[in-house]
């Protein structure tokens, strides 16, 4: 099962309809999807922007919105 298939099947996040895709993060601290749009989510920042976070590896991160499985597909 791919990450996208698992997100579509099991996620309760609004990103479920996008198969788990959160989109790009233009800067630190802001999430771009509803209902979290514009919310501060430092746990995502710590993971996404850390030089220690490997691309395309699965990570688990806990936020005020719940527990999320995250992969970082690329960085600009």
PDB file of N, CA and C in Angstrom:
ATOM      1  N   UNK A   1       0.853  -1.169   0.000  1.00  0.00           N
ATOM      2  CA  UNK A   1       0.000   0.000   0.000  1.00  0.00           C
ATOM      3  C   UNK A   1       0.900   1.235   0.000  1.00  0.00           C
ATOM      4  N   UNK A   2       0.608   2.174  -0.873  1.00  0.00           N
ATOM      5  CA  UNK A   2       1.393   3.402  -0.921  1.00  0.00           C
ATOM      6  C   UNK A   2       0.932   4.367   0.158  1.00  0.00           C
ATOM      7  N   UNK A   3       1.746   5.397   0.399  1.00  0.00           N
ATOM      8  CA  UNK A   3       1.372   6.447   1.350  1.00  0.00           C
ATOM      9  C   UNK A   3       0.040   7.075   0.934  1.00  0.00           C
ATOM     10  N   UNK A   4      -0.110   7.390  -0.350  1.00  0.00           N
ATOM     11  CA  UNK A   4      -1.338   8.019  -0.856  1.00  0.00           C
ATOM     12  C   UNK A   4      -2.555   7.123  -0.646  1.00  0.00           C
ATOM     13  N   UNK A   5      -2.408   5.846  -0.893  1.00  0.00           N
ATOM     14  CA  UNK A   5      -3.516   4.902  -0.690  1.00  0.00           C
ATOM     15  C   UNK A   5      -3.887   4.806   0.790  1.00  0.00           C
ATOM     16  N   UNK A   6      -2.867   4.748   1.661  1.00  0.00           N
ATOM     17  CA  UNK A   6      -3.130   4.673   3.104  1.00  0.00           C
ATOM     18  C   UNK A   6      -3.810   5.938   3.599  1.00  0.00           C
ATOM     19  N   UNK A   7      -3.370   7.092   3.136  1.00  0.00           N
ATOM     20  CA  UNK A   7      -3.984   8.360   3.546  1.00  0.00           C
ATOM     21  C   UNK A   7      -5.436   8.419   3.108  1.00  0.00           C
ATOM     22  N   UNK A   8      -5.714   8.019   1.880  1.00  0.00           N
ATOM     23  CA  UNK A   8      -7.084   8.045   1.365  1.00  0.00           C
ATOM     24  C   UNK A   8      -7.991   7.084   2.129  1.00  0.00           C
ATOM     25  N   UNK A   9      -7.439   5.971   2.571  1.00  0.00           N
ATOM     26  CA  UNK A   9      -8.238   4.955   3.251  1.00  0.00           C
ATOM     27  C   UNK A   9      -8.402   5.203   4.748  1.00  0.00           C
ATOM     28  N   UNK A  10      -7.324   5.643   5.418  1.00  0.00           N
ATOM     29  CA  UNK A  10      -7.332   5.677   6.878  1.00  0.00           C
ATOM     30  C   UNK A  10      -7.354   7.063   7.517  1.00  0.00           C
ATOM     31  N   UNK A  11      -6.994   8.087   6.794  1.00  0.00           N
ATOM     32  CA  UNK A  11      -6.847   9.410   7.403  1.00  0.00           C
ATOM     33  C   UNK A  11      -8.191  10.030   7.766  1.00  0.00           C
ATOM     34  N   UNK A  12      -8.207  10.776   8.869  1.00  0.00           N
ATOM     35  CA  UNK A  12      -9.371  11.585   9.232  1.00  0.00           C
ATOM     36  C   UNK A  12      -9.074  13.067   9.013  1.00  0.00           C
ATOM     37  N   UNK A  13      -7.919  13.364   8.453  1.00  0.00           N
ATOM     38  CA  UNK A  13      -7.483  14.729   8.163  1.00  0.00           C
ATOM     39  C   UNK A  13      -8.172  15.230   6.891  1.00  0.00           C
ATOM     40  N   UNK A  14      -8.378  16.532   6.770  1.00  0.00           N
ATOM     41  CA  UNK A  14      -8.934  17.076   5.522  1.00  0.00           C
ATOM     42  C   UNK A  14      -8.092  16.743   4.294  1.00  0.00           C
ATOM     43  N   UNK A  15      -6.825  16.413   4.486  1.00  0.00           N
ATOM     44  CA  UNK A  15      -5.966  16.065   3.350  1.00  0.00           C
ATOM     45  C   UNK A  15      -6.291  14.677   2.784  1.00  0.00           C
ATOM     46  N   UNK A  16      -7.186  13.975   3.422  1.00  0.00           N
ATOM     47  CA  UNK A  16      -7.575  12.641   2.955  1.00  0.00           C
ATOM     48  C   UNK A  16      -8.035  12.673   1.500  1.00  0.00           C
ATOM     49  N   UNK A  17      -8.836  13.655   1.152  1.00  0.00           N
ATOM     50  CA  UNK A  17      -9.351  13.778  -0.205  1.00  0.00           C
ATOM     51  C   UNK A  17      -8.265  14.068  -1.224  1.00  0.00           C
ATOM     52  N   UNK A  18      -7.115  14.544  -0.751  1.00  0.00           N
ATOM     53  CA  UNK A  18      -5.972  14.814  -1.629  1.00  0.00           C
ATOM     54  C   UNK A  18      -4.927  13.724  -1.479  1.00  0.00           C
ATOM     55  N   UNK A  19      -5.354  12.569  -0.917  1.00  0.00           N
ATOM     56  CA  UNK A  19      -4.477  11.408  -0.714  1.00  0.00           C
ATOM     57  C   UNK A  19      -3.268  11.752   0.157  1.00  0.00           C
ATOM     58  N   UNK A  20      -3.513  12.639   1.150  1.00  0.00           N
ATOM     59  CA  UNK A  20      -2.473  12.978   2.114  1.00  0.00           C
ATOM     60  C   UNK A  20      -1.587  14.137   1.721  1.00  0.00           C
ATOM     61  N   UNK A  21      -1.781  14.695   0.555  1.00  0.00           N
ATOM     62  CA  UNK A  21      -0.927  15.785   0.061  1.00  0.00           C
ATOM     63  C   UNK A  21      -1.232  17.072   0.830  1.00  0.00           C
ATOM     64  N   UNK A  22      -0.216  17.657   1.441  1.00  0.00           N
ATOM     65  CA  UNK A  22      -0.377  18.909   2.178  1.00  0.00           C
ATOM     66  C   UNK A  22       0.035  20.117   1.358  1.00  0.00           C
ATOM     67  N   UNK A  23       0.761  19.904   0.300  1.00  0.00           N
ATOM     68  CA  UNK A  23       1.227  21.021  -0.513  1.00  0.00           C
ATOM     69  C   UNK A  23       2.529  21.575   0.014  1.00  0.00           C
ATOM     70  N   UNK A  24       2.911  22.712  -0.537  1.00  0.00           N
ATOM     71  CA  UNK A  24       4.173  23.346  -0.173  1.00  0.00           C
ATOM     72  C   UNK A  24       4.004  24.220   1.057  1.00  0.00           C
ATOM     73  N   UNK A  25       5.062  24.328   1.820  1.00  0.00           N
ATOM     74  CA  UNK A  25       5.114  25.213   2.970  1.00  0.00           C
ATOM     75  C   UNK A  25       5.953  26.420   2.551  1.00  0.00           C
ATOM     76  N   UNK A  26       5.337  27.603   2.362  1.00  0.00           N
ATOM     77  CA  UNK A  26       6.106  28.751   1.880  1.00  0.00           C
ATOM     78  C   UNK A  26       7.032  29.349   2.920  1.00  0.00           C
ATOM     79  N   UNK A  27       6.783  29.067   4.170  1.00  0.00           N
ATOM     80  CA  UNK A  27       7.628  29.601   5.224  1.00  0.00           C
ATOM     81  C   UNK A  27       7.374  28.841   6.499  1.00  0.00           C
ATOM     82  N   UNK A  28       8.139  29.116   7.488  1.00  0.00           N
ATOM     83  CA  UNK A  28       7.987  28.414   8.756  1.00  0.00           C
ATOM     84  C   UNK A  28       6.657  28.746   9.419  1.00  0.00           C
ATOM     85  N   UNK A  29       6.079  27.751  10.030  1.00  0.00           N
ATOM     86  CA  UNK A  29       4.959  27.961  10.927  1.00  0.00           C
ATOM     87  C   UNK A  29       3.581  28.041  10.337  1.00  0.00           C
ATOM     88  N   UNK A  30       3.390  27.881   9.039  1.00  0.00           N
ATOM     89  CA  UNK A  30       2.047  28.011   8.494  1.00  0.00           C
ATOM     90  C   UNK A  30       1.670  26.788   7.670  1.00  0.00           C
ATOM     91  N   UNK A  31       0.521  26.234   7.968  1.00  0.00           N
ATOM     92  CA  UNK A  31      -0.031  25.105   7.227  1.00  0.00           C
ATOM     93  C   UNK A  31      -1.011  25.664   6.200  1.00  0.00           C
ATOM     94  N   UNK A  32      -1.073  25.056   5.023  1.00  0.00           N
ATOM     95  CA  UNK A  32      -1.835  25.617   3.915  1.00  0.00           C
ATOM     96  C   UNK A  32      -3.154  24.923   3.622  1.00  0.00           C
ATOM     97  N   UNK A  33      -3.590  23.976   4.444  1.00  0.00           N
ATOM     98  CA  UNK A  33      -4.827  23.272   4.131  1.00  0.00           C
ATOM     99  C   UNK A  33      -5.865  23.524   5.214  1.00  0.00           C
ATOM    100  N   UNK A  34      -7.115  23.528   4.823  1.00  0.00           N
ATOM    101  CA  UNK A  34      -8.224  23.740   5.751  1.00  0.00           C
ATOM    102  C   UNK A  34      -8.481  22.458   6.526  1.00  0.00           C
ATOM    103  N   UNK A  35      -8.942  22.488   7.790  1.00  0.00           N
ATOM    104  CA  UNK A  35      -9.272  23.681   8.560  1.00  0.00           C
ATOM    105  C   UNK A  35      -8.092  24.271   9.303  1.00  0.00           C
ATOM    106  N   UNK A  36      -6.890  23.835   8.988  1.00  0.00           N
ATOM    107  CA  UNK A  36      -5.705  24.279   9.718  1.00  0.00           C
ATOM    108  C   UNK A  36      -5.022  25.478   9.074  1.00  0.00           C
ATOM    109  N   UNK A  37      -5.574  25.998   7.995  1.00  0.00           N
ATOM    110  CA  UNK A  37      -4.905  27.061   7.234  1.00  0.00           C
ATOM    111  C   UNK A  37      -4.507  28.223   8.137  1.00  0.00           C
ATOM    112  N   UNK A  38      -3.249  28.603   8.057  1.00  0.00           N
ATOM    113  CA  UNK A  38      -2.733  29.724   8.825  1.00  0.00           C
ATOM    114  C   UNK A  38      -2.379  29.401  10.265  1.00  0.00           C
ATOM    115  N   UNK A  39      -2.594  28.163  10.708  1.00  0.00           N
ATOM    116  CA  UNK A  39      -2.307  27.779  12.082  1.00  0.00           C
ATOM    117  C   UNK A  39      -0.806  27.583  12.281  1.00  0.00           C
ATOM    118  N   UNK A  40      -0.347  27.916  13.462  1.00  0.00           N
ATOM    119  CA  UNK A  40       1.033  27.627  13.841  1.00  0.00           C
ATOM    120  C   UNK A  40       1.127  26.138  14.177  1.00  0.00           C
ATOM    121  N   UNK A  41       2.035  25.444  13.536  1.00  0.00           N
ATOM    122  CA  UNK A  41       2.227  24.016  13.784  1.00  0.00           C
ATOM    123  C   UNK A  41       3.732  23.749  13.881  1.00  0.00           C
ATOM    124  N   UNK A  42       4.329  24.089  15.028  1.00  0.00           N
ATOM    125  CA  UNK A  42       5.782  23.985  15.168  1.00  0.00           C
ATOM    126  C   UNK A  42       6.313  22.566  15.017  1.00  0.00           C
ATOM    127  N   UNK A  43       5.481  21.559  15.320  1.00  0.00           N
ATOM    128  CA  UNK A  43       5.939  20.181  15.179  1.00  0.00           C
ATOM    129  C   UNK A  43       6.204  19.839  13.701  1.00  0.00           C
ATOM    130  N   UNK A  44       5.360  20.358  12.809  1.00  0.00           N
ATOM    131  CA  UNK A  44       5.598  20.160  11.380  1.00  0.00           C
ATOM    132  C   UNK A  44       6.868  20.881  10.953  1.00  0.00           C
ATOM    133  N   UNK A  45       7.036  22.105  11.407  1.00  0.00           N
ATOM    134  CA  UNK A  45       8.240  22.866  11.064  1.00  0.00           C
ATOM    135  C   UNK A  45       9.498  22.120  11.483  1.00  0.00           C
ATOM    136  N   UNK A  46       9.476  21.597  12.715  1.00  0.00           N
ATOM    137  CA  UNK A  46      10.658  20.906  13.237  1.00  0.00           C
ATOM    138  C   UNK A  46      11.020  19.722  12.346  1.00  0.00           C
ATOM    139  N   UNK A  47      10.021  19.017  11.853  1.00  0.00           N
ATOM    140  CA  UNK A  47      10.277  17.873  10.996  1.00  0.00           C
ATOM    141  C   UNK A  47      10.643  18.295   9.576  1.00  0.00           C
ATOM    142  N   UNK A  48       9.806  19.118   8.965  1.00  0.00           N
ATOM    143  CA  UNK A  48       9.953  19.465   7.551  1.00  0.00           C
ATOM    144  C   UNK A  48      11.233  20.241   7.269  1.00  0.00           C
ATOM    145  N   UNK A  49      11.597  21.161   8.149  1.00  0.00           N
ATOM    146  CA  UNK A  49      12.732  22.031   7.884  1.00  0.00           C
ATOM    147  C   UNK A  49      14.037  21.579   8.530  1.00  0.00           C
ATOM    148  N   UNK A  50      14.028  20.447   9.222  1.00  0.00           N
ATOM    149  CA  UNK A  50      15.249  19.943   9.834  1.00  0.00           C
ATOM    150  C   UNK A  50      16.178  19.368   8.766  1.00  0.00           C
ATOM    151  N   UNK A  51      17.451  19.722   8.805  1.00  0.00           N
ATOM    152  CA  UNK A  51      18.393  19.117   7.849  1.00  0.00           C
ATOM    153  C   UNK A  51      18.583  17.623   8.098  1.00  0.00           C
ATOM    154  N   UNK A  52      18.161  17.141   9.255  1.00  0.00           N
ATOM    155  CA  UNK A  52      18.286  15.722   9.582  1.00  0.00           C
ATOM    156  C   UNK A  52      17.140  14.881   9.022  1.00  0.00           C
ATOM    157  N   UNK A  53      16.063  15.528   8.576  1.00  0.00           N
ATOM    158  CA  UNK A  53      14.926  14.815   8.018  1.00  0.00           C
ATOM    159  C   UNK A  53      15.250  14.367   6.599  1.00  0.00           C
ATOM    160  N   UNK A  54      15.196  13.066   6.387  1.00  0.00           N
ATOM    161  CA  UNK A  54      15.509  12.495   5.077  1.00  0.00           C
ATOM    162  C   UNK A  54      14.300  12.601   4.155  1.00  0.00           C
ATOM    163  N   UNK A  55      14.559  12.859   2.883  1.00  0.00           N
ATOM    164  CA  UNK A  55      13.481  12.911   1.895  1.00  0.00           C
ATOM    165  C   UNK A  55      12.914  11.512   1.668  1.00  0.00           C
ATOM    166  N   UNK A  56      11.602  11.468   1.465  1.00  0.00           N
ATOM    167  CA  UNK A  56      10.873  10.241   1.115  1.00  0.00           C
ATOM    168  C   UNK A  56      10.933   9.149   2.175  1.00  0.00           C
ATOM    169  N   UNK A  57      11.227   9.523   3.404  1.00  0.00           N
ATOM    170  CA  UNK A  57      11.194   8.584   4.524  1.00  0.00           C
ATOM    171  C   UNK A  57       9.928   8.870   5.325  1.00  0.00           C
ATOM    172  N   UNK A  58       9.314   7.845   5.883  1.00  0.00           N
ATOM    173  CA  UNK A  58       8.093   8.001   6.654  1.00  0.00           C
ATOM    174  C   UNK A  58       8.421   8.390   8.094  1.00  0.00           C
ATOM    175  N   UNK A  59       7.764   9.446   8.576  1.00  0.00           N
ATOM    176  CA  UNK A  59       7.927   9.922   9.949  1.00  0.00           C
ATOM    177  C   UNK A  59       6.559  10.036  10.609  1.00  0.00           C
ATOM    178  N   UNK A  60       6.533   9.910  11.921  1.00  0.00           N
ATOM    179  CA  UNK A  60       5.321  10.133  12.706  1.00  0.00           C
ATOM    180  C   UNK A  60       5.526  11.404  13.503  1.00  0.00           C
ATOM    181  N   UNK A  61       4.537  12.306  13.454  1.00  0.00           N
ATOM    182  CA  UNK A  61       4.625  13.558  14.204  1.00  0.00           C
ATOM    183  C   UNK A  61       3.292  13.806  14.909  1.00  0.00           C
ATOM    184  N   UNK A  62       3.385  14.207  16.167  1.00  0.00           N
ATOM    185  CA  UNK A  62       2.180  14.529  16.954  1.00  0.00           C
ATOM    186  C   UNK A  62       2.035  16.048  17.020  1.00  0.00           C
ATOM    187  N   UNK A  63       0.835  16.527  16.744  1.00  0.00           N
ATOM    188  CA  UNK A  63       0.533  17.965  16.810  1.00  0.00           C
ATOM    189  C   UNK A  63      -0.729  18.169  17.622  1.00  0.00           C
ATOM    190  N   UNK A  64      -1.128  19.414  17.776  1.00  0.00           N
ATOM    191  CA  UNK A  64      -2.369  19.705  18.484  1.00  0.00           C
ATOM    192  C   UNK A  64      -3.579  19.183  17.705  1.00  0.00           C
ATOM    193  N   UNK A  65      -3.393  18.795  16.446  1.00  0.00           N
ATOM    194  CA  UNK A  65      -4.473  18.283  15.613  1.00  0.00           C
ATOM    195  C   UNK A  65      -4.538  16.761  15.598  1.00  0.00           C
ATOM    196  N   UNK A  66      -3.553  16.096  16.203  1.00  0.00           N
ATOM    197  CA  UNK A  66      -3.536  14.640  16.231  1.00  0.00           C
ATOM    198  C   UNK A  66      -2.174  14.090  15.858  1.00  0.00           C
ATOM    199  N   UNK A  67      -2.152  12.820  15.490  1.00  0.00           N
ATOM    200  CA  UNK A  67      -0.933  12.137  15.076  1.00  0.00           C
ATOM    201  C   UNK A  67      -0.962  11.982  13.569  1.00  0.00           C
ATOM    202  N   UNK A  68       0.167  12.296  12.930  1.00  0.00           N
ATOM    203  CA  UNK A  68       0.237  12.307  11.472  1.00  0.00           C
ATOM    204  C   UNK A  68       1.430  11.487  10.993  1.00  0.00           C
ATOM    205  N   UNK A  69       1.254  10.817   9.876  1.00  0.00           N
ATOM    206  CA  UNK A  69       2.362  10.196   9.176  1.00  0.00           C
ATOM    207  C   UNK A  69       2.749  11.144   8.069  1.00  0.00           C
ATOM    208  N   UNK A  70       4.037  11.454   7.984  1.00  0.00           N
ATOM    209  CA  UNK A  70       4.518  12.502   7.081  1.00  0.00           C
ATOM    210  C   UNK A  70       5.719  11.994   6.290  1.00  0.00           C
ATOM    211  N   UNK A  71       5.743  12.314   5.015  1.00  0.00           N
ATOM    212  CA  UNK A  71       6.952  12.167   4.212  1.00  0.00           C
ATOM    213  C   UNK A  71       7.255  13.518   3.598  1.00  0.00           C
ATOM    214  N   UNK A  72       8.508  13.859   3.552  1.00  0.00           N
ATOM    215  CA  UNK A  72       8.954  15.092   2.908  1.00  0.00           C
ATOM    216  C   UNK A  72       9.462  14.703   1.521  1.00  0.00           C
ATOM    217  N   UNK A  73       8.738  15.150   0.500  1.00  0.00           N
ATOM    218  CA  UNK A  73       9.056  14.733  -0.869  1.00  0.00           C
ATOM    219  C   UNK A  73      10.156  15.568  -1.494  1.00  0.00           C
ATOM    220  N   UNK A  74      10.327  16.795  -1.041  1.00  0.00           N
ATOM    221  CA  UNK A  74      11.361  17.647  -1.611  1.00  0.00           C
ATOM    222  C   UNK A  74      11.445  18.973  -0.898  1.00  0.00           C
ATOM    223  N   UNK A  75      12.488  19.695  -1.175  1.00  0.00           N
ATOM    224  CA  UNK A  75      12.697  21.025  -0.591  1.00  0.00           C
ATOM    225  C   UNK A  75      13.128  21.974  -1.698  1.00  0.00           C
ATOM    226  N   UNK A  76      12.661  23.203  -1.608  1.00  0.00           N
ATOM    227  CA  UNK A  76      13.040  24.219  -2.605  1.00  0.00           C
ATOM    228  C   UNK A  76      14.373  24.842  -2.265  1.00  0.00           C
TER     229      UNK A  76
END
